[in-house]
Protein backbone atom coordinates (compact mmCIF):
# COMPACT_ATOMS: atom_id res chain seq x y z
CA MET A 1 0.19 0.08 0.10
CA THR A 2 1.56 3.33 -0.88
CA PRO A 3 1.92 5.76 2.10
CA PRO A 4 0.22 9.03 2.48
CA PRO A 5 2.21 11.81 1.07
CA CYS A 6 4.69 13.41 3.65
CA LYS A 7 2.64 16.72 5.20
CA GLY A 8 4.70 19.93 5.20
CA VAL A 9 6.31 21.40 8.45
CA LEU A 10 4.85 24.58 9.76
CA TYR A 11 7.19 26.80 11.52
CA ILE A 12 6.24 29.71 13.85
CA VAL A 13 8.62 32.62 14.96
CA SER A 14 7.68 35.29 17.40
CA ALA A 15 9.58 37.89 19.23
CA PRO A 16 9.22 41.21 20.79
CA SER A 17 9.66 44.20 18.38
CA GLY A 18 13.11 44.76 17.87
CA ALA A 19 14.57 41.43 18.38
CA GLY A 20 15.82 40.99 15.02
CA LYS A 21 13.32 38.27 14.36
CA THR A 22 12.63 39.76 10.62
CA SER A 23 16.21 39.85 9.96
CA LEU A 24 16.81 36.01 11.15
CA VAL A 25 13.87 34.86 8.95
CA LYS A 26 15.01 36.50 5.77
CA ALA A 27 18.51 35.09 6.41
CA LEU A 28 16.87 31.58 7.11
CA LEU A 29 14.66 31.75 4.01
CA LYS A 30 17.86 32.73 2.08
CA THR A 31 19.98 29.77 3.54
CA ASP A 32 16.97 27.39 3.12
CA PRO A 33 14.62 28.11 0.06
CA ALA A 34 12.40 24.92 0.86
CA ILE A 35 11.20 27.14 3.46
CA ARG A 36 8.43 29.45 2.34
CA LEU A 37 7.15 32.41 4.33
CA SER A 38 3.45 32.90 4.57
CA VAL A 39 2.36 36.55 3.81
CA SER A 40 0.08 37.80 6.14
CA TYR A 41 -2.62 40.37 5.73
CA THR A 42 -2.46 43.55 7.39
CA THR A 43 -4.45 46.98 7.96
CA ARG A 44 -1.25 49.22 8.93
CA PRO A 45 0.51 51.12 5.83
CA PRO A 46 3.31 49.73 4.23
CA ARG A 47 7.05 50.91 5.17
CA SER A 48 9.21 52.18 2.67
CA ASP A 49 11.03 49.42 1.90
CA GLU A 50 8.10 47.07 1.95
CA THR A 51 6.20 45.68 -1.08
CA ASP A 52 2.36 44.48 -1.12
CA GLY A 53 2.48 40.76 -1.78
CA ARG A 54 5.50 40.05 -0.74
CA ASP A 55 5.83 41.50 3.08
CA TYR A 56 2.41 41.92 3.59
CA HIS A 57 -0.92 41.79 1.87
CA PHE A 58 -2.11 45.31 2.73
CA VAL A 59 -5.72 45.61 2.98
CA SER A 60 -8.17 48.28 4.16
CA ARG A 61 -10.03 47.84 7.65
CA GLU A 62 -12.89 47.00 5.53
CA ARG A 63 -11.56 44.40 3.87
CA PHE A 64 -9.83 42.82 6.66
CA GLN A 65 -13.56 42.94 8.56
CA ALA A 66 -14.99 41.23 5.86
CA MET A 67 -12.47 38.28 5.74
CA LEU A 68 -12.99 37.95 9.26
CA ALA A 69 -16.54 37.63 9.18
CA GLU A 70 -16.47 35.13 6.69
CA ASP A 71 -13.86 33.03 8.89
CA GLU A 72 -11.07 33.49 6.64
CA PHE A 73 -8.34 33.83 9.19
CA LEU A 74 -6.39 31.01 10.77
CA GLU A 75 -5.09 33.66 13.23
CA HIS A 76 -5.62 37.30 13.86
CA ALA A 77 -4.72 40.24 16.33
CA GLU A 78 -4.62 43.65 16.91
CA VAL A 79 -1.09 45.16 17.51
CA TYR A 80 -0.33 48.84 18.21
CA GLY A 81 -4.02 49.64 16.58
CA ASN A 82 -3.48 47.53 13.39
CA PHE A 83 -4.73 44.43 12.75
CA TYR A 84 -3.02 41.35 11.47
CA GLY A 85 -4.21 37.88 10.01
CA THR A 86 -2.93 34.71 8.72
CA SER A 87 -5.09 32.98 5.68
CA LYS A 88 -6.54 29.50 6.77
CA GLY A 89 -7.28 28.05 3.55
CA SER A 90 -3.69 29.38 2.17
CA ILE A 91 -1.74 27.39 4.99
CA GLU A 92 -3.82 24.36 4.81
CA ARG A 93 -3.37 24.03 1.16
CA ASP A 94 0.46 24.49 1.21
CA LEU A 95 1.03 22.00 3.89
CA ASP A 96 -1.33 19.32 2.46
CA ALA A 97 1.07 19.61 -0.58
CA SER A 98 3.84 18.77 1.82
CA LEU A 99 5.26 22.54 1.58
CA ASP A 100 7.26 23.89 4.82
CA ILE A 101 5.66 26.99 5.90
CA LEU A 102 6.98 29.73 8.17
CA LEU A 103 4.79 32.32 10.05
CA GLU A 104 6.16 35.41 11.45
CA ILE A 105 3.39 36.22 14.00
CA ASP A 106 3.28 37.30 17.55
CA TRP A 107 2.72 35.16 20.51
CA GLN A 108 -1.16 35.98 20.45
CA GLY A 109 -1.23 34.60 16.63
CA ALA A 110 1.13 31.65 17.92
CA GLU A 111 -1.60 30.34 20.35
CA GLN A 112 -4.37 30.43 18.00
CA VAL A 113 -2.39 28.56 15.05
CA ARG A 114 -1.20 25.90 17.68
CA ARG A 115 -4.89 25.24 18.39
CA HIS A 116 -5.24 24.25 15.09
CA PHE A 117 -1.84 22.68 14.16
CA PRO A 118 -0.80 21.20 17.62
CA GLN A 119 2.19 19.69 15.45
CA CYS A 120 3.79 22.80 14.47
CA ALA A 121 7.26 23.96 15.73
CA SER A 122 7.19 27.05 17.52
CA ILE A 123 10.32 29.46 18.32
CA PHE A 124 10.75 32.46 20.24
CA ILE A 125 13.41 35.15 19.61
CA LEU A 126 14.68 37.05 22.67
CA PRO A 127 16.84 40.24 22.62
CA PRO A 128 20.34 39.76 24.96
CA SER A 129 18.92 42.47 27.24
CA PHE A 130 16.18 45.10 27.88
CA ASN A 131 18.71 47.75 27.28
CA ALA A 132 19.96 46.01 24.10
CA LEU A 133 16.30 46.36 22.95
CA ARG A 134 15.86 49.93 23.87
CA THR A 135 19.04 50.47 21.42
CA ARG A 136 17.73 48.61 18.54
CA LEU A 137 14.51 50.43 18.60
CA ALA A 138 15.87 53.89 18.73
CA TRP A 139 18.85 53.20 16.23
CA ARG A 140 16.03 51.71 13.52
CA GLY A 141 14.79 55.55 13.56
CA GLN A 142 11.16 54.37 12.51
CA ASP A 143 9.34 55.20 15.86
CA SER A 144 8.91 58.41 18.02
CA GLU A 145 10.31 58.17 21.52
CA GLU A 146 6.69 57.66 22.62
CA VAL A 147 6.28 54.60 20.47
CA ILE A 148 9.46 53.43 21.42
CA GLU A 149 8.57 53.54 25.08
CA ARG A 150 5.01 51.45 24.18
CA ARG A 151 7.00 48.92 22.27
CA LEU A 152 9.08 48.43 25.22
CA ALA A 153 6.56 48.08 27.61
CA ALA A 154 4.80 45.34 25.23
CA ALA A 155 8.16 43.70 24.93
CA ALA A 156 8.07 42.79 28.77
CA HIS A 157 4.52 41.44 28.17
CA ASP A 158 5.61 39.52 25.11
CA VAL A 159 8.62 37.90 26.71
CA ALA A 160 6.25 36.62 29.71
CA HIS A 161 4.78 34.09 27.10
CA ALA A 162 7.97 32.76 25.75
CA GLU A 163 7.81 29.70 28.04
CA GLY A 164 4.93 28.52 26.22
CA PHE A 165 7.39 28.00 22.78
CA ASP A 166 8.91 24.89 22.14
CA TYR A 167 12.60 26.38 21.28
CA ILE A 168 13.96 29.84 22.36
CA ILE A 169 16.76 31.79 20.65
CA VAL A 170 19.06 34.52 22.24
CA ASN A 171 19.98 36.83 19.49
CA ASP A 172 22.79 38.24 21.17
CA ASP A 173 25.23 37.33 18.00
CA PHE A 174 23.18 37.44 14.57
CA ASP A 175 25.23 34.45 13.20
CA HIS A 176 24.89 32.44 16.13
CA ALA A 177 21.25 33.13 16.46
CA LEU A 178 20.86 32.12 12.64
CA GLN A 179 22.69 28.81 12.90
CA ASP A 180 20.62 27.88 16.19
CA LEU A 181 17.31 28.78 14.00
CA VAL A 182 18.55 26.77 11.18
CA ALA A 183 19.56 23.55 13.56
CA ILE A 184 16.01 24.01 14.71
CA THR A 185 14.48 23.54 11.17
CA ARG A 186 17.04 20.90 10.30
CA SER A 187 16.35 18.81 13.32
CA ILE A 188 12.66 18.84 12.73
CA ARG A 189 12.83 17.38 8.92
CA LEU A 190 15.21 14.60 10.43
CA GLU A 191 12.43 13.47 13.10
CA THR A 192 11.98 9.83 12.57
CA SER A 193 8.10 9.82 11.67
CA ARG A 194 9.05 12.71 8.75
CA GLN A 195 11.75 10.19 7.29
CA MET A 196 9.98 7.37 7.65
CA ASP A 197 7.31 8.92 5.40
CA ARG A 198 9.81 10.76 3.18
CA HIS A 199 11.93 7.87 2.50
CA ALA A 200 9.16 4.96 2.35
CA ALA A 201 10.68 3.40 -0.62
CA LEU A 202 14.07 3.02 0.70
CA PHE A 203 12.62 1.23 3.87
CA ASP A 204 10.24 -1.03 1.91
CA GLU A 205 13.29 -1.98 -0.26
CA PHE A 206 15.13 -3.21 2.85
CA ARG A 207 12.03 -4.97 4.06
CA ARG A 208 11.91 -7.17 1.32
CA ILE A 209 15.62 -8.45 1.75
């Protein structure tokens, strides 16, 4: 009997704002093209270096609310006055096609996704210290001092939920943190159940001996 097709791996990466999550995810995707980034929907305006459809699907509040009413989101959350959501149908189709998908979402969204996909792998990125996080947020030059203070207060709340994740990476040295992230994704692919499915023909060959 032919075994069922191997399902894809769903990775979740979360972090407080300024911890380096986005930079690490971009480096991971460049290192491992087999992992695809799920593009979320958001009502916030795009930043100067962002492209619609690549970084986010930028939509109006009215469109977002309509999608929410039609139960199109796997998870959604309001962050700093803007809404974010992940398409349920898109994730399910990709995983059924044995694609590896990465969600870059906050801890609230991670909790919602874990309820639907308890087999997912969740990773939390920590900054090396509170002062280092403050320095990074100020260095970006994207936010006012008031917004930075609000993000710092939110960061403490975010970090309090880190223990609910499967893995924690401290982003003190970027290259080392990237190596940790790559190691996690590779080790999950090598789990026995996944390897048994992926190499079913090989195992069948040895069983016939």
